[in-house]
Amino acid sequence: MIKRLQQKFVAIVAVSLFVVELLIIGGINIFNIRSIDSDYDKVMNMLVENDGMIPDFPRHDDGFKPDKKMGSEQNRMNDRNFNEETKYQTRYFIVYFSTNGSVSGVNTGHIAAVNSERAVEYAKQALEDGDEKGSIDIYKYSVNTTDKGKMVIFLDARSGSENKKRFLLISAVVAAAGYLLTCLLVIIFSKRAVRPAVESFEKQRRFITDAGHEIKTPLAIISANTEVIEMTTEESEWTKSIKNQVTRLDGLVKELLRLSKMEEDDVKLVFTEFDASQTVSDAAQSFEALARTNGKEIKTDITRGITINGDKSAVSQLVGILVENAVKYADDDSDITVSLKKSASGRHAHLSVSNKCSDPPKDTEKLFDRFYRDDSSRSREGSGPGGYGIGLSIARAVMNAHKGKITCKAEDNTVTFTAVFRAV
């Protein structure tokens, strides 16, 4: 029990932390990328506004103090985080085209990596792409229309690209280290975190076990006293009622003890490879007489030769619980279908038990809770079905022990329970 709770707790924390870190790292990297691209766009806009040139900015040691009220060109450029070093830090080249599409000029004086011929090739490729802005190799470009034709500006974006990669790598490494460290701490302290839930469960289990054993003695005495009364007088409706309720309470105690044992960590099921097809068939056939007595019929659709690795007795018990439940709640004069099929991949075996029910349960998930019974099945008067509301809880416990899954679906007045095992 402790291990299962620990695993679930660690898994939930790990997934939640991963999602949070992914959103944070993704968000700051997107912001960083957009910030760098925005800076390049500002430089391109400045080049367009100044006919392909970066203006000279007054030096701060010359006493220049930006005055935002003036609205001057220098102040506007300063607002864009440009300064006197921008002219020398920016690497760019420009190709001019006349209105008839021919090259009218090339400016490669601000870059050393590209000559005029290569610059023209880049510009023609940019025009062929048909986009106003884009990237070619390590250069970001902007196509601008002027009175004289077109001006294609290229900025060397290698520093920005390296900054993006470096920031992404550093943030990913830091996030991964933080994630692993946090997961390690969660694993170390997870046992302490789930301890209150474990203690509560253990107290509940011990109470059920102790109460079950304590109830057995008075039940035996009540049953014996009732028999003595019937021997000294004669059987009456009152003694019958006492015996029925004793039998019912004794069955409830046994079911509770069986469920409690199924959920104990120290109870080990004997797992072996066995013929599940034969086991399911035998378990279903054992209820044929009960079904016929209630005016119902059990039909099987079982694929032969299906083998699973599990506890044969527990699986047989599971089939018995599902079939008995179907016999209790199926409509009169209806069929109960028990099937065992392999999945399309062949990796799983699907056990299904279905029956017709004119008043199907509304909340199928709650059927697996202890003592839960749907409103339509609560009446025990007349021929109404009995039950303790524990059988399906035991069925889920069996599936949990086999690392499988059990579900219930109610559609078109048909209730179907499906248990999925891993096939061999």
Protein backbone atom coordinates (compact mmCIF):
# COMPACT_ATOMS: atom_id res chain seq x y z
CA MET A 1 0.00 0.00 0.00
CA ILE A 2 2.79 2.40 0.94
CA LYS A 3 4.67 1.70 -2.28
CA ARG A 4 1.59 2.28 -4.44
CA LEU A 5 0.82 5.59 -2.73
CA GLN A 6 4.46 6.65 -2.99
CA GLN A 7 4.56 5.84 -6.68
CA LYS A 8 1.35 7.76 -7.39
CA PHE A 9 2.51 10.73 -5.32
CA VAL A 10 5.92 10.87 -7.03
CA ALA A 11 4.34 10.43 -10.47
CA ILE A 12 1.84 13.26 -9.92
CA VAL A 13 4.52 15.62 -8.61
CA ALA A 14 6.95 14.70 -11.41
CA VAL A 15 4.37 15.27 -14.15
CA SER A 16 3.13 18.52 -12.61
CA LEU A 17 6.67 19.83 -12.18
CA PHE A 18 7.56 18.87 -15.74
CA VAL A 19 4.56 20.73 -17.14
CA VAL A 20 5.29 23.83 -15.04
CA GLU A 21 8.98 23.90 -16.00
CA LEU A 22 8.12 23.30 -19.64
CA LEU A 23 5.75 26.28 -19.62
CA ILE A 24 8.25 28.50 -17.80
CA ILE A 25 11.29 27.58 -19.93
CA GLY A 26 9.23 27.73 -23.10
CA GLY A 27 7.81 31.11 -22.11
CA ILE A 28 11.12 32.79 -21.30
CA ASN A 29 12.75 31.38 -24.45
CA ILE A 30 9.90 32.62 -26.61
CA PHE A 31 10.22 36.02 -24.95
CA ASN A 32 13.99 36.00 -25.54
CA ILE A 33 13.60 35.02 -29.21
CA ARG A 34 10.98 37.69 -29.83
CA SER A 35 13.10 40.28 -28.02
CA ILE A 36 16.14 39.55 -30.21
CA ASP A 37 14.04 39.53 -33.39
CA SER A 38 12.44 42.79 -32.30
CA ASP A 39 15.87 44.39 -31.95
CA TYR A 40 16.76 43.30 -35.49
CA ASP A 41 13.47 44.73 -36.76
CA LYS A 42 14.27 48.05 -35.07
CA VAL A 43 17.69 48.17 -36.77
CA MET A 44 16.11 47.43 -40.15
CA ASN A 45 13.48 50.13 -39.64
CA MET A 46 16.23 52.58 -38.73
CA LEU A 47 18.12 51.71 -41.92
CA VAL A 48 14.95 52.18 -43.97
CA GLU A 49 14.24 55.55 -42.35
CA ASN A 50 17.80 56.73 -43.00
CA ASP A 51 18.15 55.46 -46.59
CA GLY A 52 20.36 52.51 -45.68
CA MET A 53 22.61 54.34 -43.23
CA ILE A 54 22.95 54.30 -39.45
CA PRO A 55 23.07 57.91 -38.23
CA ASP A 56 25.76 59.21 -35.92
CA PHE A 57 24.66 59.60 -32.31
CA PRO A 58 26.08 62.37 -30.09
CA ARG A 59 28.64 61.08 -27.60
CA HIS A 60 27.64 61.18 -23.95
CA ASP A 61 30.95 62.83 -23.06
CA ASP A 62 29.98 65.73 -25.35
CA GLY A 63 27.27 66.62 -22.89
CA PHE A 64 24.33 65.09 -24.81
CA LYS A 65 21.29 64.60 -22.64
CA PRO A 66 18.19 63.10 -24.29
CA ASP A 67 15.15 65.31 -23.97
CA LYS A 68 11.99 63.33 -24.71
CA LYS A 69 9.98 66.54 -25.06
CA MET A 70 12.01 67.56 -28.11
CA GLY A 71 10.95 64.59 -30.21
CA SER A 72 14.19 64.83 -32.21
CA GLU A 73 15.55 62.01 -34.37
CA GLN A 74 18.32 61.42 -31.84
CA ASN A 75 15.82 61.10 -29.00
CA ARG A 76 13.65 58.66 -30.97
CA MET A 77 16.68 56.52 -31.74
CA ASN A 78 17.74 56.63 -28.12
CA ASP A 79 14.27 55.43 -27.12
CA ARG A 80 14.92 52.33 -29.24
CA ASN A 81 18.03 51.50 -27.22
CA PHE A 82 20.40 52.69 -29.95
CA ASN A 83 23.58 54.51 -28.99
CA GLU A 84 26.83 55.81 -30.43
CA GLU A 85 28.21 52.25 -30.67
CA THR A 86 25.32 50.90 -32.77
CA LYS A 87 26.95 52.05 -36.00
CA TYR A 88 30.06 49.98 -35.28
CA GLN A 89 28.33 46.93 -33.80
CA THR A 90 25.86 46.34 -36.65
CA ARG A 91 26.94 44.22 -39.62
CA TYR A 92 24.76 44.61 -42.69
CA PHE A 93 24.71 44.94 -46.45
CA ILE A 94 22.15 46.42 -48.83
CA VAL A 95 21.27 45.76 -52.46
CA TYR A 96 19.31 48.35 -54.46
CA PHE A 97 17.08 47.50 -57.41
CA SER A 98 15.70 49.96 -59.92
CA THR A 99 12.06 50.07 -60.94
CA ASN A 100 12.79 47.80 -63.95
CA GLY A 101 14.25 45.10 -61.63
CA SER A 102 17.95 45.58 -62.40
CA VAL A 103 20.59 46.01 -59.69
CA SER A 104 21.29 49.72 -59.26
CA GLY A 105 23.68 49.55 -56.31
CA VAL A 106 25.33 47.39 -53.65
CA ASN A 107 26.53 48.48 -50.23
CA THR A 108 28.85 45.93 -48.57
CA GLY A 109 30.99 48.41 -46.70
CA HIS A 110 29.61 47.37 -43.31
CA ILE A 111 30.31 43.64 -43.57
CA ALA A 112 33.39 41.57 -44.36
CA ALA A 113 31.87 38.14 -44.91
CA VAL A 114 29.93 38.97 -48.10
CA ASN A 115 31.17 40.47 -51.37
CA SER A 116 29.05 42.29 -53.94
CA GLU A 117 28.36 39.26 -56.12
CA ARG A 118 27.24 37.17 -53.18
CA ALA A 119 25.14 40.05 -51.87
CA VAL A 120 23.27 40.26 -55.20
CA GLU A 121 22.61 36.49 -55.09
CA TYR A 122 21.14 36.81 -51.61
CA ALA A 123 18.97 39.75 -52.69
CA LYS A 124 17.62 37.96 -55.77
CA GLN A 125 16.78 34.90 -53.66
CA ALA A 126 14.92 37.13 -51.20
CA LEU A 127 12.90 38.68 -54.03
CA GLU A 128 12.10 35.23 -55.44
CA ASP A 129 10.77 34.13 -52.02
CA GLY A 130 8.23 36.95 -52.25
CA ASP A 131 8.20 37.74 -48.51
CA GLU A 132 8.79 41.19 -47.10
CA LYS A 133 10.81 39.73 -44.22
CA GLY A 134 12.61 36.45 -43.75
CA SER A 135 15.95 34.70 -43.26
CA ILE A 136 18.57 33.27 -45.59
CA ASP A 137 21.44 31.38 -43.97
CA ILE A 138 22.57 33.54 -41.03
CA TYR A 139 21.11 36.76 -42.43
CA LYS A 140 17.73 38.33 -41.73
CA TYR A 141 16.41 40.42 -44.58
CA SER A 142 13.78 43.05 -45.22
CA VAL A 143 12.45 44.01 -48.69
CA ASN A 144 11.42 47.66 -48.84
CA THR A 145 9.87 49.62 -51.72
CA THR A 146 11.21 53.12 -52.36
CA ASP A 147 10.62 55.80 -54.99
CA LYS A 148 13.64 54.52 -56.93
CA GLY A 149 12.74 50.81 -56.76
CA LYS A 150 13.44 48.22 -54.08
CA MET A 151 15.95 48.18 -51.26
CA VAL A 152 16.83 44.78 -49.76
CA ILE A 153 18.52 45.03 -46.36
CA PHE A 154 20.42 42.10 -44.83
CA LEU A 155 21.53 41.95 -41.19
CA ASP A 156 24.12 39.52 -39.86
CA ALA A 157 22.08 37.65 -37.23
CA ARG A 158 24.66 35.09 -36.16
CA SER A 159 25.22 36.70 -32.75
CA GLY A 160 21.48 36.73 -32.07
CA SER A 161 21.16 33.12 -33.23
CA GLU A 162 24.02 32.08 -30.96
CA ASN A 163 22.43 33.98 -28.09
CA LYS A 164 19.14 32.15 -28.65
CA LYS A 165 20.85 28.75 -28.67
CA ARG A 166 23.01 29.58 -25.68
CA PHE A 167 20.06 30.86 -23.66
CA LEU A 168 17.97 27.80 -24.60
CA LEU A 169 20.80 25.43 -23.64
CA ILE A 170 21.50 27.13 -20.32
CA SER A 171 17.82 27.36 -19.38
CA ALA A 172 17.26 23.72 -20.36
CA VAL A 173 20.26 22.52 -18.34
CA VAL A 174 19.22 24.54 -15.30
CA ALA A 175 15.62 23.33 -15.60
CA ALA A 176 16.72 19.70 -16.03
CA ALA A 177 19.04 19.92 -13.01
CA GLY A 178 16.30 21.53 -10.93
CA TYR A 179 13.78 18.95 -12.11
CA LEU A 180 16.02 15.99 -11.24
CA LEU A 181 16.96 17.45 -7.87
CA THR A 182 13.33 18.16 -7.00
CA CYS A 183 12.26 14.67 -8.08
CA LEU A 184 15.05 13.18 -5.95
CA LEU A 185 13.88 15.15 -2.92
CA VAL A 186 10.27 14.15 -3.58
CA ILE A 187 11.29 10.48 -3.75
CA ILE A 188 13.24 10.81 -0.51
CA PHE A 189 10.41 12.51 1.39
CA SER A 190 7.46 10.83 -0.36
CA LYS A 191 7.12 8.17 2.31
CA ARG A 192 6.72 10.86 4.94
CA ALA A 193 4.24 12.75 2.76
CA VAL A 194 1.89 9.77 2.32
CA ARG A 195 2.30 8.50 5.88
CA PRO A 196 -0.97 10.07 7.19
CA ALA A 197 -2.99 8.43 4.41
CA VAL A 198 -1.24 5.10 4.99
CA GLU A 199 -1.86 5.25 8.74
CA SER A 200 -5.53 6.04 8.14
CA PHE A 201 -5.86 3.12 5.73
CA GLU A 202 -4.08 0.74 8.11
CA LYS A 203 -6.37 1.76 10.98
CA GLN A 204 -9.40 1.18 8.76
CA ARG A 205 -8.11 -2.23 7.67
CA ARG A 206 -7.33 -3.30 11.23
CA PHE A 207 -10.76 -2.14 12.36
CA ILE A 208 -12.45 -4.21 9.66
CA THR A 209 -10.38 -7.27 10.50
CA ASP A 210 -10.85 -6.97 14.27
CA ALA A 211 -14.55 -6.15 13.99
CA GLY A 212 -15.08 -9.05 11.60
CA HIS A 213 -13.56 -11.53 14.00
CA GLU A 214 -15.44 -10.05 16.96
CA ILE A 215 -18.78 -10.23 15.14
CA LYS A 216 -18.33 -13.91 14.30
CA THR A 217 -18.77 -15.03 17.93
CA PRO A 218 -22.12 -13.33 18.63
CA LEU A 219 -23.37 -14.46 15.22
CA ALA A 220 -22.57 -18.06 16.08
CA ILE A 221 -24.32 -17.70 19.45
CA ILE A 222 -27.41 -16.08 17.88
CA SER A 223 -27.57 -18.85 15.28
CA ALA A 224 -27.24 -21.58 17.94
CA ASN A 225 -29.86 -19.96 20.17
CA THR A 226 -32.26 -19.70 17.23
CA GLU A 227 -31.86 -23.41 16.51
CA VAL A 228 -32.54 -24.21 20.18
CA ILE A 229 -35.69 -22.09 20.09
CA GLU A 230 -36.87 -23.95 16.98
CA MET A 231 -36.17 -27.29 18.70
CA THR A 232 -38.11 -26.37 21.85
CA THR A 233 -41.02 -24.74 20.09
CA GLU A 234 -41.25 -24.77 16.33
CA GLU A 235 -40.00 -22.77 13.35
CA SER A 236 -41.76 -19.42 12.88
CA GLU A 237 -41.45 -16.40 10.66
CA TRP A 238 -39.45 -14.70 13.40
CA THR A 239 -36.86 -17.48 13.68
CA LYS A 240 -36.67 -17.59 9.89
CA SER A 241 -36.00 -13.87 9.79
CA ILE A 242 -33.30 -14.19 12.46
CA LYS A 243 -31.57 -17.00 10.56
CA ASN A 244 -31.75 -15.08 7.26
CA GLN A 245 -30.25 -11.96 8.80
CA VAL A 246 -27.52 -13.99 10.54
CA THR A 247 -26.64 -15.62 7.23
CA ARG A 248 -26.60 -12.27 5.51
CA LEU A 249 -24.44 -10.63 8.18
CA ASP A 250 -22.07 -13.59 8.17
CA GLY A 251 -21.71 -13.23 4.38
CA LEU A 252 -21.06 -9.52 4.72
CA VAL A 253 -18.30 -10.11 7.29
CA LYS A 254 -16.63 -12.70 5.06
CA GLU A 255 -16.74 -10.32 2.08
CA LEU A 256 -15.22 -7.52 4.15
CA LEU A 257 -12.42 -9.76 5.40
CA ARG A 258 -11.74 -11.00 1.89
CA LEU A 259 -11.54 -7.44 0.54
CA SER A 260 -9.28 -6.39 3.41
CA LYS A 261 -6.90 -9.26 2.67
CA MET A 262 -6.87 -8.45 -1.04
CA GLU A 263 -5.65 -4.92 -0.27
CA GLU A 264 -2.91 -5.94 2.16
CA ASP A 265 0.64 -5.61 0.86
CA ASP A 266 1.74 -8.75 2.65
CA VAL A 267 -0.82 -10.90 0.83
CA LYS A 268 1.00 -12.28 -2.18
CA LEU A 269 -0.93 -13.79 -5.06
CA VAL A 270 0.66 -16.75 -6.78
CA PHE A 271 1.33 -15.64 -10.35
CA THR A 272 1.74 -18.33 -12.97
CA GLU A 273 0.98 -18.66 -16.66
CA PHE A 274 -2.35 -20.43 -17.07
CA ASP A 275 -5.08 -21.02 -19.64
CA ALA A 276 -7.39 -18.08 -19.03
CA SER A 277 -9.87 -19.34 -21.63
CA GLN A 278 -10.51 -22.54 -19.70
CA THR A 279 -10.59 -20.75 -16.34
CA VAL A 280 -13.17 -18.21 -17.53
CA SER A 281 -15.27 -20.92 -19.15
CA ASP A 282 -15.31 -23.08 -15.99
CA ALA A 283 -16.13 -20.12 -13.75
CA ALA A 284 -19.01 -19.00 -15.99
CA GLN A 285 -20.48 -22.51 -16.29
CA SER A 286 -20.66 -22.85 -12.51
CA PHE A 287 -23.39 -20.18 -12.52
CA GLU A 288 -25.54 -21.71 -15.26
CA ALA A 289 -27.84 -23.45 -12.78
CA LEU A 290 -28.32 -20.24 -10.79
CA ALA A 291 -29.06 -18.33 -13.98
CA ARG A 292 -31.66 -20.86 -15.19
CA THR A 293 -33.30 -20.78 -11.77
CA ASN A 294 -33.75 -17.03 -12.23
CA GLY A 295 -35.07 -17.44 -15.78
CA LYS A 296 -31.85 -16.31 -17.46
CA GLU A 297 -29.26 -17.93 -19.67
CA ILE A 298 -25.47 -17.60 -19.79
CA LYS A 299 -23.86 -17.52 -23.23
CA THR A 300 -20.09 -17.62 -23.72
CA ASP A 301 -17.95 -16.28 -26.53
CA ILE A 302 -14.45 -17.30 -25.52
CA THR A 303 -11.42 -17.48 -27.78
CA ARG A 304 -9.49 -20.63 -27.00
CA GLY A 305 -5.83 -20.68 -26.08
CA ILE A 306 -5.57 -17.28 -24.38
CA THR A 307 -2.87 -17.38 -21.71
CA ILE A 308 -2.20 -14.77 -19.04
CA ASN A 309 0.24 -14.47 -16.17
CA GLY A 310 -1.70 -14.11 -12.94
CA ASP A 311 -3.32 -15.81 -9.98
CA LYS A 312 -5.71 -18.42 -11.34
CA SER A 313 -7.87 -18.51 -8.21
CA ALA A 314 -8.20 -14.72 -8.09
CA VAL A 315 -9.15 -14.53 -11.78
CA SER A 316 -11.74 -17.25 -11.27
CA GLN A 317 -13.09 -15.28 -8.32
CA LEU A 318 -13.26 -12.17 -10.50
CA VAL A 319 -15.29 -13.98 -13.15
CA GLY A 320 -17.61 -15.32 -10.46
CA ILE A 321 -18.21 -11.85 -9.04
CA LEU A 322 -19.03 -10.36 -12.45
CA VAL A 323 -21.29 -13.24 -13.56
CA GLU A 324 -23.10 -13.38 -10.22
CA ASN A 325 -23.64 -9.64 -10.39
CA ALA A 326 -25.05 -10.00 -13.92
CA VAL A 327 -27.40 -12.80 -12.80
CA LYS A 328 -28.73 -10.60 -9.99
CA TYR A 329 -29.43 -7.49 -12.04
CA ALA A 330 -30.16 -8.77 -15.56
CA ASP A 331 -33.71 -8.42 -16.86
CA ASP A 332 -35.94 -11.48 -16.65
CA ASP A 333 -35.78 -13.88 -19.58
CA SER A 334 -32.60 -12.25 -20.90
CA ASP A 335 -29.15 -13.54 -21.82
CA ILE A 336 -25.88 -12.91 -20.01
CA THR A 337 -22.84 -12.85 -22.31
CA VAL A 338 -19.37 -13.77 -21.09
CA SER A 339 -16.58 -13.18 -23.62
CA LEU A 340 -12.79 -13.37 -23.62
CA LYS A 341 -10.95 -11.94 -26.61
CA LYS A 342 -7.45 -10.80 -27.45
CA SER A 343 -6.87 -7.20 -28.41
CA ALA A 344 -5.91 -6.27 -31.98
CA SER A 345 -2.26 -6.02 -30.94
CA GLY A 346 -2.42 -9.38 -29.19
CA ARG A 347 -0.82 -7.91 -26.07
CA HIS A 348 -3.96 -7.81 -23.92
CA ALA A 349 -6.88 -10.08 -23.08
CA HIS A 350 -10.31 -8.47 -22.70
CA LEU A 351 -12.79 -10.19 -20.38
CA SER A 352 -16.34 -8.84 -20.78
CA VAL A 353 -19.56 -9.70 -18.95
CA SER A 354 -22.70 -7.99 -20.24
CA ASN A 355 -26.40 -8.20 -19.48
CA LYS A 356 -29.60 -6.43 -20.39
CA CYS A 357 -30.87 -4.02 -17.76
CA SER A 358 -34.00 -1.90 -18.23
CA ASP A 359 -32.86 0.45 -15.45
CA PRO A 360 -29.06 0.73 -15.88
CA PRO A 361 -26.92 2.48 -13.24
CA LYS A 362 -26.35 6.17 -13.78
CA ASP A 363 -22.87 6.51 -12.25
CA THR A 364 -20.96 3.41 -13.29
CA GLU A 365 -17.68 4.50 -11.68
CA LYS A 366 -19.24 4.48 -8.21
CA LEU A 367 -20.24 0.83 -8.61
CA PHE A 368 -16.70 -0.11 -7.58
CA ASP A 369 -16.94 1.80 -4.27
CA ARG A 370 -17.51 -0.18 -1.09
CA PHE A 371 -21.15 -0.53 -0.05
CA TYR A 372 -22.36 1.50 -3.03
CA ARG A 373 -25.49 0.17 -4.70
CA ASP A 374 -27.53 1.99 -7.30
CA ASP A 375 -30.90 3.33 -6.20
CA SER A 376 -32.70 0.84 -8.41
CA SER A 377 -31.10 -2.09 -6.56
CA ARG A 378 -31.57 -0.92 -2.99
CA SER A 379 -34.90 -2.60 -2.41
CA ARG A 380 -34.68 -6.11 -0.98
CA GLU A 381 -38.42 -6.65 -0.87
CA GLY A 382 -40.06 -9.32 -2.91
CA SER A 383 -37.77 -10.72 -5.57
CA GLY A 384 -35.41 -7.70 -5.56
CA PRO A 385 -31.74 -8.59 -5.78
CA GLY A 386 -29.68 -8.67 -2.60
CA GLY A 387 -26.01 -7.84 -2.21
CA TYR A 388 -23.53 -6.14 0.03
CA GLY A 389 -22.00 -3.63 -2.37
CA ILE A 390 -18.55 -5.16 -1.86
CA GLY A 391 -18.17 -7.66 -4.69
CA LEU A 392 -17.16 -5.11 -7.34
CA SER A 393 -14.68 -3.56 -4.89
CA ILE A 394 -13.06 -6.99 -4.66
CA ALA A 395 -13.09 -7.22 -8.46
CA ARG A 396 -11.19 -3.94 -8.71
CA ALA A 397 -8.73 -5.10 -6.05
CA VAL A 398 -8.08 -8.25 -8.10
CA MET A 399 -7.42 -6.17 -11.21
CA ASN A 400 -5.12 -3.80 -9.30
CA ALA A 401 -3.12 -6.79 -8.10
CA HIS A 402 -2.78 -7.92 -11.74
CA LYS A 403 -1.78 -4.41 -12.93
CA GLY A 404 -4.92 -4.41 -15.06
CA LYS A 405 -8.01 -2.25 -15.40
CA ILE A 406 -11.73 -2.86 -14.97
CA THR A 407 -14.45 -0.55 -16.27
CA CYS A 408 -18.22 -0.49 -16.57
CA LYS A 409 -20.25 0.92 -19.44
CA ALA A 410 -24.03 1.31 -19.54
CA GLU A 411 -25.42 1.93 -23.05
CA ASP A 412 -28.70 1.06 -24.77
CA ASN A 413 -30.04 -0.73 -21.67
CA THR A 414 -26.97 -2.98 -21.63
CA VAL A 415 -24.46 -3.04 -18.79
CA THR A 416 -20.98 -4.32 -19.68
CA PHE A 417 -18.07 -4.89 -17.31
CA THR A 418 -14.70 -5.18 -19.03
CA ALA A 419 -11.46 -6.33 -17.38
CA VAL A 420 -8.21 -5.96 -19.31
CA PHE A 421 -5.28 -8.30 -18.57
CA ARG A 422 -1.83 -8.45 -20.11
CA ALA A 423 -1.73 -11.54 -22.31
CA VAL A 424 1.26 -13.84 -22.65
